[in-house]
Amino acid sequence: MKSEEIARLAGVSRSTVSRVINNYPNVPEKTRERVMKVIREYNYEPNLSARVLAGKRTNTIGLFLYSIYDIQSPYRIYGNSYFAPLVDAFVDIGNSMGYYMLVHTVYNPDESWRIRQTFSQKRIDGGIIIGTEKSQEIESILSKISHPIVLMDCDPEEIRKIANPKARIAVINSDDEQGIHAAVDYLVELGHREIGMITGRTTTYSGLKRRESFVKRLESHGLTLDERYMLKGDFTGRSTVSEVESLIASGKLPTAMIASNDEMALAAMEAFKRHGIRVPEDISIVGYDDALASSIVKPALTTVRIPFFDMAKKALEMLEELIESDKPRFMVYNADVGLVVRESCTTINT
């Protein structure tokens, strides 16, 4: 069935059918429903190839998850306290906005070409790249393409330097300086002076930013950083357990620790528990992300909440702006975060 036949059966013009299919807003609701009723009844599907050749939009967004670390793990997306809630939010919000969401994972830098290929084949109107670890492959892509794209977990200034002059780019991050400052301030208010950190990978913007913000905030309180209490968790539970075991074996613990994500915080709590070290009586723990498990464990984890749903919504709105624009644009957005106080921290005597 062709669009002309849909128009005849619905009693509208062919251009009206086209506006309905392309989700244009300037269609009366009753007319839209009449056209959609015919489309549903006859199982009409627009010819995507013909639309692309005609220079029309596909109403499809590419969601690329860039996870090149820990290649041996099959759980880099499933259950991940950063990727998983974002993917859920993007799919739900994208669908509600009338977009198909094409999800693709990049597990190896050598596969980064697939991102560029998806654009060059005109399979998508715009793309979102999440979890962008520093890599020459991604830099190469950004230096060449001018298609609408949103990046998450990237340094805006670094992207600005390497981006194609004709690029239409938005960079979205959580305000990690705000989040780490809130966590440090809270622990200091509770009387803690020996505060350690379980760091994420500094090959990511968030991992580096959270570490730098932690060090600076300690200094602002007149506290000295003790490198013995800086553990390299790499954003994974497995690395965290190894680091915590070594810390325990040293015989010297801080009174509190901040983890750069909840997965590491929860892994640390389990490791301390196995050695009879109580949270929060013997050591206070703060996480980051506010993953679902953080409110379920005992004691419930105090953590920094990232507004994943709001960030996904903002990302899609900004991407839609870039798709509508035919001029170069560079947009930056930092989402507010907040400390969620639960049970994993306690006051100490100073």
Protein backbone atom coordinates (compact mmCIF):
# COMPACT_ATOMS: atom_id res chain seq x y z
CA MET A 1 0.00 0.00 0.00
CA LYS A 2 1.22 3.47 -0.92
CA SER A 3 0.75 6.73 0.96
CA GLU A 4 -1.67 7.90 -1.75
CA GLU A 5 -4.00 5.03 -0.87
CA ILE A 6 -3.74 5.88 2.85
CA ALA A 7 -4.70 9.47 1.99
CA ARG A 8 -7.73 8.34 -0.04
CA LEU A 9 -9.00 6.00 2.69
CA ALA A 10 -8.51 8.62 5.41
CA GLY A 11 -10.05 11.39 3.31
CA VAL A 12 -6.98 13.65 3.54
CA SER A 13 -4.25 14.87 1.24
CA ARG A 14 -1.01 12.97 0.65
CA SER A 15 0.93 15.79 2.31
CA THR A 16 -1.17 15.35 5.46
CA VAL A 17 -0.29 11.65 5.54
CA SER A 18 3.37 12.62 5.20
CA ARG A 19 3.10 15.07 8.10
CA VAL A 20 1.50 12.41 10.29
CA ILE A 21 4.15 9.81 9.43
CA ASN A 22 6.91 12.34 10.14
CA ASN A 23 5.26 13.31 13.45
CA TYR A 24 4.88 16.98 12.54
CA PRO A 25 3.07 18.97 15.24
CA ASN A 26 0.86 21.03 12.87
CA VAL A 27 -1.74 18.29 12.33
CA PRO A 28 -5.14 18.45 14.08
CA GLU A 29 -5.49 15.61 16.55
CA LYS A 30 -8.68 14.25 14.97
CA THR A 31 -7.02 14.21 11.55
CA ARG A 32 -3.93 12.51 12.96
CA GLU A 33 -6.04 9.81 14.60
CA ARG A 34 -8.01 9.22 11.38
CA VAL A 35 -4.79 8.70 9.42
CA MET A 36 -3.26 6.51 12.14
CA LYS A 37 -6.39 4.35 12.23
CA VAL A 38 -5.95 3.54 8.53
CA ILE A 39 -2.22 2.95 8.98
CA ARG A 40 -2.87 0.51 11.82
CA GLU A 41 -5.70 -1.23 10.02
CA TYR A 42 -3.64 -1.87 6.87
CA ASN A 43 -0.27 -2.39 8.66
CA TYR A 44 1.28 0.33 6.54
CA GLU A 45 5.07 0.74 6.86
CA PRO A 46 6.91 3.64 5.17
CA ASN A 47 9.72 2.63 2.81
CA LEU A 48 12.80 3.66 4.80
CA SER A 49 15.18 3.37 1.85
CA ALA A 50 12.98 5.61 -0.26
CA ARG A 51 12.77 8.14 2.55
CA VAL A 52 16.55 8.23 2.92
CA LEU A 53 17.05 8.63 -0.84
CA ALA A 54 14.56 11.47 -0.79
CA GLY A 55 16.55 13.20 1.95
CA LYS A 56 13.84 12.72 4.56
CA ARG A 57 14.35 11.82 8.18
CA THR A 58 14.33 8.29 9.50
CA ASN A 59 12.92 9.26 12.93
CA THR A 60 15.67 7.03 14.35
CA ILE A 61 18.25 7.93 16.98
CA GLY A 62 21.49 5.98 17.38
CA LEU A 63 22.40 5.21 20.99
CA PHE A 64 26.04 4.09 21.16
CA LEU A 65 27.41 2.64 24.40
CA TYR A 66 31.18 2.95 24.41
CA SER A 67 32.50 0.36 26.86
CA ILE A 68 36.03 -0.65 25.91
CA TYR A 69 37.24 -1.40 29.45
CA ASP A 70 37.11 -4.86 31.06
CA ILE A 71 36.61 -6.67 27.76
CA GLN A 72 36.33 -10.08 29.45
CA SER A 73 33.23 -9.12 31.44
CA PRO A 74 29.81 -9.90 29.91
CA TYR A 75 28.11 -7.50 32.34
CA ARG A 76 29.43 -4.13 31.25
CA ILE A 77 25.94 -2.90 30.37
CA TYR A 78 23.52 -5.19 32.22
CA GLY A 79 23.28 -4.15 35.86
CA ASN A 80 25.81 -1.34 35.42
CA SER A 81 24.80 1.54 37.70
CA TYR A 82 25.60 4.11 34.97
CA PHE A 83 24.77 2.49 31.63
CA ALA A 84 21.65 0.53 32.61
CA PRO A 85 19.45 3.37 33.94
CA LEU A 86 20.48 5.64 31.07
CA VAL A 87 19.60 3.06 28.41
CA ASP A 88 16.19 2.47 30.03
CA ALA A 89 15.53 6.23 30.18
CA PHE A 90 16.64 6.87 26.60
CA VAL A 91 14.49 4.09 25.18
CA ASP A 92 11.38 5.16 27.12
CA ILE A 93 11.74 8.88 26.42
CA GLY A 94 12.85 8.42 22.81
CA ASN A 95 9.85 6.22 22.06
CA SER A 96 7.49 8.73 23.71
CA MET A 97 8.95 11.44 21.45
CA GLY A 98 8.22 9.34 18.36
CA TYR A 99 11.75 8.07 17.73
CA TYR A 100 13.01 4.57 17.11
CA MET A 101 16.06 3.94 19.29
CA LEU A 102 18.86 1.99 17.60
CA VAL A 103 21.14 0.72 20.40
CA HIS A 104 24.67 -0.43 19.64
CA THR A 105 27.56 -1.29 21.96
CA VAL A 106 31.20 -0.69 21.10
CA TYR A 107 33.37 -3.11 23.09
CA ASN A 108 36.60 -2.57 21.19
CA PRO A 109 38.19 0.65 19.86
CA ASP A 110 38.65 -1.07 16.48
CA GLU A 111 34.84 -1.24 16.17
CA SER A 112 34.41 2.53 16.51
CA TRP A 113 34.04 2.81 12.74
CA ARG A 114 30.54 1.41 13.14
CA ILE A 115 29.45 4.74 14.62
CA ARG A 116 30.64 6.63 11.56
CA GLN A 117 29.15 3.98 9.25
CA THR A 118 25.70 4.31 10.83
CA PHE A 119 25.76 8.03 10.10
CA SER A 120 27.16 7.68 6.58
CA GLN A 121 24.47 5.13 5.68
CA LYS A 122 21.84 7.66 6.82
CA ARG A 123 20.23 5.11 9.09
CA ILE A 124 19.81 7.67 11.87
CA ASP A 125 18.96 11.36 12.21
CA GLY A 126 21.32 11.89 15.14
CA GLY A 127 23.44 9.99 17.64
CA ILE A 128 24.18 9.80 21.35
CA ILE A 129 27.47 8.38 22.60
CA ILE A 130 27.60 7.36 26.27
CA GLY A 131 30.68 6.42 28.29
CA THR A 132 33.26 7.93 26.00
CA GLU A 133 36.66 6.84 27.24
CA LYS A 134 39.53 8.75 25.71
CA SER A 135 40.54 7.10 22.46
CA GLN A 136 42.07 8.10 19.15
CA GLU A 137 39.24 6.35 17.32
CA ILE A 138 36.53 8.53 18.89
CA GLU A 139 38.62 11.67 18.36
CA SER A 140 38.98 10.72 14.70
CA ILE A 141 35.22 10.32 14.33
CA LEU A 142 34.46 13.67 16.00
CA SER A 143 37.02 15.47 13.87
CA LYS A 144 35.32 14.28 10.67
CA ILE A 145 31.55 14.07 11.11
CA SER A 146 29.20 17.05 11.20
CA HIS A 147 26.03 15.10 11.98
CA PRO A 148 23.97 15.96 15.10
CA ILE A 149 25.49 14.20 18.09
CA VAL A 150 25.27 14.26 21.89
CA LEU A 151 28.19 13.11 24.03
CA MET A 152 27.97 12.06 27.68
CA ASP A 153 30.91 11.82 30.10
CA CYS A 154 33.28 13.98 28.05
CA ASP A 155 35.39 17.06 28.72
CA PRO A 156 33.61 19.86 26.78
CA GLU A 157 36.80 21.81 26.16
CA GLU A 158 38.62 18.79 24.76
CA ILE A 159 35.68 18.04 22.46
CA ARG A 160 35.56 21.66 21.31
CA LYS A 161 39.23 21.46 20.26
CA ILE A 162 38.91 18.30 18.16
CA ALA A 163 35.40 18.69 16.73
CA ASN A 164 34.74 19.26 13.06
CA PRO A 165 34.26 23.03 12.43
CA LYS A 166 30.82 22.20 10.97
CA ALA A 167 29.85 19.98 13.89
CA ARG A 168 26.50 20.06 15.65
CA ILE A 169 27.44 18.77 19.10
CA ALA A 170 26.05 18.83 22.63
CA VAL A 171 28.02 17.63 25.68
CA ILE A 172 26.10 16.56 28.78
CA ASN A 173 27.59 15.66 32.16
CA SER A 174 26.47 15.40 35.75
CA ASP A 175 27.93 18.16 37.94
CA ASP A 176 30.55 15.95 39.58
CA GLU A 177 32.30 18.80 41.34
CA GLN A 178 29.02 19.63 43.06
CA GLY A 179 28.45 15.99 43.99
CA ILE A 180 31.90 15.30 45.42
CA HIS A 181 31.91 18.59 47.33
CA ALA A 182 28.59 17.64 48.94
CA ALA A 183 29.95 14.23 49.94
CA VAL A 184 33.18 15.60 51.43
CA ASP A 185 31.35 18.41 53.25
CA TYR A 186 28.92 15.92 54.77
CA LEU A 187 31.68 13.68 56.10
CA VAL A 188 33.58 16.65 57.52
CA GLU A 189 30.40 17.80 59.29
CA LEU A 190 30.22 14.33 60.87
CA GLY A 191 33.71 14.85 62.26
CA HIS A 192 35.76 12.83 59.76
CA ARG A 193 39.31 14.01 59.04
CA GLU A 194 40.84 10.88 57.53
CA ILE A 195 38.85 10.44 54.34
CA GLY A 196 39.83 8.14 51.50
CA MET A 197 38.49 7.59 48.00
CA ILE A 198 37.88 4.65 45.67
CA THR A 199 38.55 6.24 42.29
CA GLY A 200 37.14 5.45 38.88
CA ARG A 201 39.15 5.28 35.67
CA THR A 202 40.85 8.56 34.91
CA THR A 203 40.57 7.72 31.20
CA THR A 204 36.96 8.89 31.64
CA TYR A 205 35.98 12.49 32.27
CA SER A 206 33.84 11.58 35.29
CA GLY A 207 36.58 9.46 36.85
CA LEU A 208 39.13 12.25 36.52
CA LYS A 209 36.74 15.03 37.54
CA ARG A 210 35.59 13.23 40.70
CA ARG A 211 39.16 12.54 41.78
CA GLU A 212 40.31 16.11 41.18
CA SER A 213 37.24 17.52 42.96
CA PHE A 214 37.90 15.25 45.95
CA VAL A 215 41.50 16.40 46.33
CA LYS A 216 40.58 20.08 46.03
CA ARG A 217 37.72 19.81 48.50
CA LEU A 218 39.94 18.16 51.09
CA GLU A 219 42.39 21.03 50.70
CA SER A 220 39.61 23.59 51.13
CA HIS A 221 38.87 22.02 54.53
CA GLY A 222 42.54 22.09 55.48
CA LEU A 223 42.84 18.32 55.24
CA THR A 224 45.85 16.48 53.86
CA LEU A 225 45.43 13.82 51.21
CA ASP A 226 46.81 10.47 52.32
CA GLU A 227 47.74 8.48 49.19
CA ARG A 228 47.42 5.24 51.18
CA TYR A 229 43.68 5.84 51.22
CA MET A 230 43.37 6.44 47.47
CA LEU A 231 42.24 3.12 45.99
CA LYS A 232 42.04 2.46 42.25
CA GLY A 233 38.68 0.80 41.80
CA ASP A 234 38.37 1.48 38.03
CA PHE A 235 34.55 1.71 38.41
CA THR A 236 34.34 -2.09 38.93
CA GLY A 237 33.55 -4.21 41.97
CA ARG A 238 36.28 -6.71 41.18
CA SER A 239 39.09 -4.13 41.19
CA THR A 240 37.65 -2.55 44.32
CA VAL A 241 37.67 -5.78 46.33
CA SER A 242 41.35 -6.31 45.53
CA GLU A 243 42.22 -2.76 46.58
CA VAL A 244 40.17 -2.95 49.79
CA GLU A 245 41.79 -6.27 50.74
CA SER A 246 45.21 -4.65 50.41
CA LEU A 247 44.09 -1.67 52.50
CA ILE A 248 42.80 -3.93 55.25
CA ALA A 249 46.04 -5.93 55.21
CA SER A 250 48.00 -2.71 55.78
CA GLY A 251 46.43 -2.44 59.22
CA LYS A 252 45.47 1.22 58.80
CA LEU A 253 42.05 2.44 57.69
CA PRO A 254 40.56 5.89 57.15
CA THR A 255 37.42 6.74 59.10
CA ALA A 256 35.45 7.30 55.88
CA MET A 257 35.63 6.63 52.14
CA ILE A 258 33.91 8.05 49.08
CA ALA A 259 33.51 5.75 46.08
CA SER A 260 33.22 7.13 42.54
CA ASN A 261 30.23 4.88 41.87
CA ASP A 262 27.82 2.70 43.82
CA GLU A 263 29.15 -0.57 42.40
CA MET A 264 32.51 0.11 44.05
CA ALA A 265 30.90 1.35 47.28
CA LEU A 266 28.81 -1.81 47.62
CA ALA A 267 31.79 -4.04 46.81
CA ALA A 268 33.82 -2.25 49.48
CA MET A 269 31.07 -2.72 52.05
CA GLU A 270 30.96 -6.45 51.35
CA ALA A 271 34.75 -6.75 51.61
CA PHE A 272 34.83 -4.90 54.93
CA LYS A 273 31.99 -7.06 56.24
CA ARG A 274 33.89 -10.27 55.44
CA HIS A 275 36.73 -9.01 57.64
CA GLY A 276 34.47 -8.04 60.52
CA ILE A 277 34.78 -4.30 59.81
CA ARG A 278 31.41 -2.68 60.38
CA VAL A 279 29.78 0.02 58.26
CA PRO A 280 29.23 2.67 59.53
CA GLU A 281 30.50 1.93 63.07
CA ASP A 282 34.11 1.30 61.99
CA ILE A 283 34.15 3.07 58.63
CA SER A 284 31.65 5.32 56.85
CA ILE A 285 30.98 4.85 53.12
CA VAL A 286 29.52 7.22 50.49
CA GLY A 287 28.68 6.06 46.96
CA TYR A 288 27.89 7.82 43.70
CA ASP A 289 25.00 7.26 41.20
CA ASP A 290 22.14 6.23 43.53
CA ALA A 291 21.72 2.84 41.92
CA LEU A 292 18.63 0.83 42.87
CA ALA A 293 20.64 -1.53 45.08
CA SER A 294 21.96 1.35 47.20
CA SER A 295 18.60 1.80 48.94
CA ILE A 296 18.08 -1.94 49.45
CA VAL A 297 21.35 -3.04 51.08
CA LYS A 298 21.83 -3.00 54.84
CA PRO A 299 22.96 -0.52 55.89
CA ALA A 300 21.39 1.54 53.11
CA LEU A 301 24.04 3.44 51.19
CA THR A 302 24.46 7.19 51.43
CA THR A 303 25.18 8.29 47.88
CA VAL A 304 25.19 11.10 45.34
CA ARG A 305 22.11 10.90 43.13
CA ILE A 306 22.54 11.45 39.39
CA PRO A 307 19.25 12.41 37.67
CA PHE A 308 19.58 9.86 34.85
CA PHE A 309 16.03 10.29 33.55
CA ASP A 310 16.31 14.09 33.45
CA MET A 311 19.70 13.85 31.72
CA ALA A 312 18.34 11.50 29.08
CA LYS A 313 15.36 13.80 28.47
CA LYS A 314 17.63 16.83 28.15
CA ALA A 315 19.97 14.94 25.83
CA LEU A 316 17.13 14.02 23.47
CA GLU A 317 15.73 17.55 23.54
CA MET A 318 19.14 19.00 22.70
CA LEU A 319 19.67 16.41 19.98
CA GLU A 320 16.32 17.33 18.49
CA GLU A 321 17.45 20.97 18.41
CA LEU A 322 20.63 19.97 16.61
CA ILE A 323 18.68 17.87 14.09
CA GLU A 324 16.42 20.83 13.34
CA SER A 325 19.43 23.14 12.84
CA ASP A 326 21.56 23.20 9.71
CA LYS A 327 24.23 25.44 11.26
CA PRO A 328 27.25 24.48 13.40
CA ARG A 329 26.42 24.48 17.12
CA PHE A 330 28.22 23.55 20.32
CA MET A 331 26.08 23.13 23.44
CA VAL A 332 27.06 22.22 27.01
CA TYR A 333 24.83 21.13 29.90
CA ASN A 334 25.69 20.07 33.47
CA ALA A 335 22.96 18.32 35.45
CA ASP A 336 22.57 19.11 39.14
CA VAL A 337 23.19 16.23 41.54
CA GLY A 338 22.34 15.82 45.22
CA LEU A 339 23.48 13.88 48.26
CA VAL A 340 21.03 11.21 49.48
CA VAL A 341 21.69 10.58 53.17
CA ARG A 342 20.92 7.04 54.36
CA GLU A 343 22.59 4.75 56.91
CA SER A 344 26.19 4.10 55.83
CA CYS A 345 27.78 7.10 57.56
CA THR A 346 28.02 8.08 61.20
CA THR A 347 29.39 10.81 63.45
CA ILE A 348 32.79 10.27 65.01
CA ASN A 349 34.42 11.93 67.99
CA THR A 350 37.22 14.33 67.13
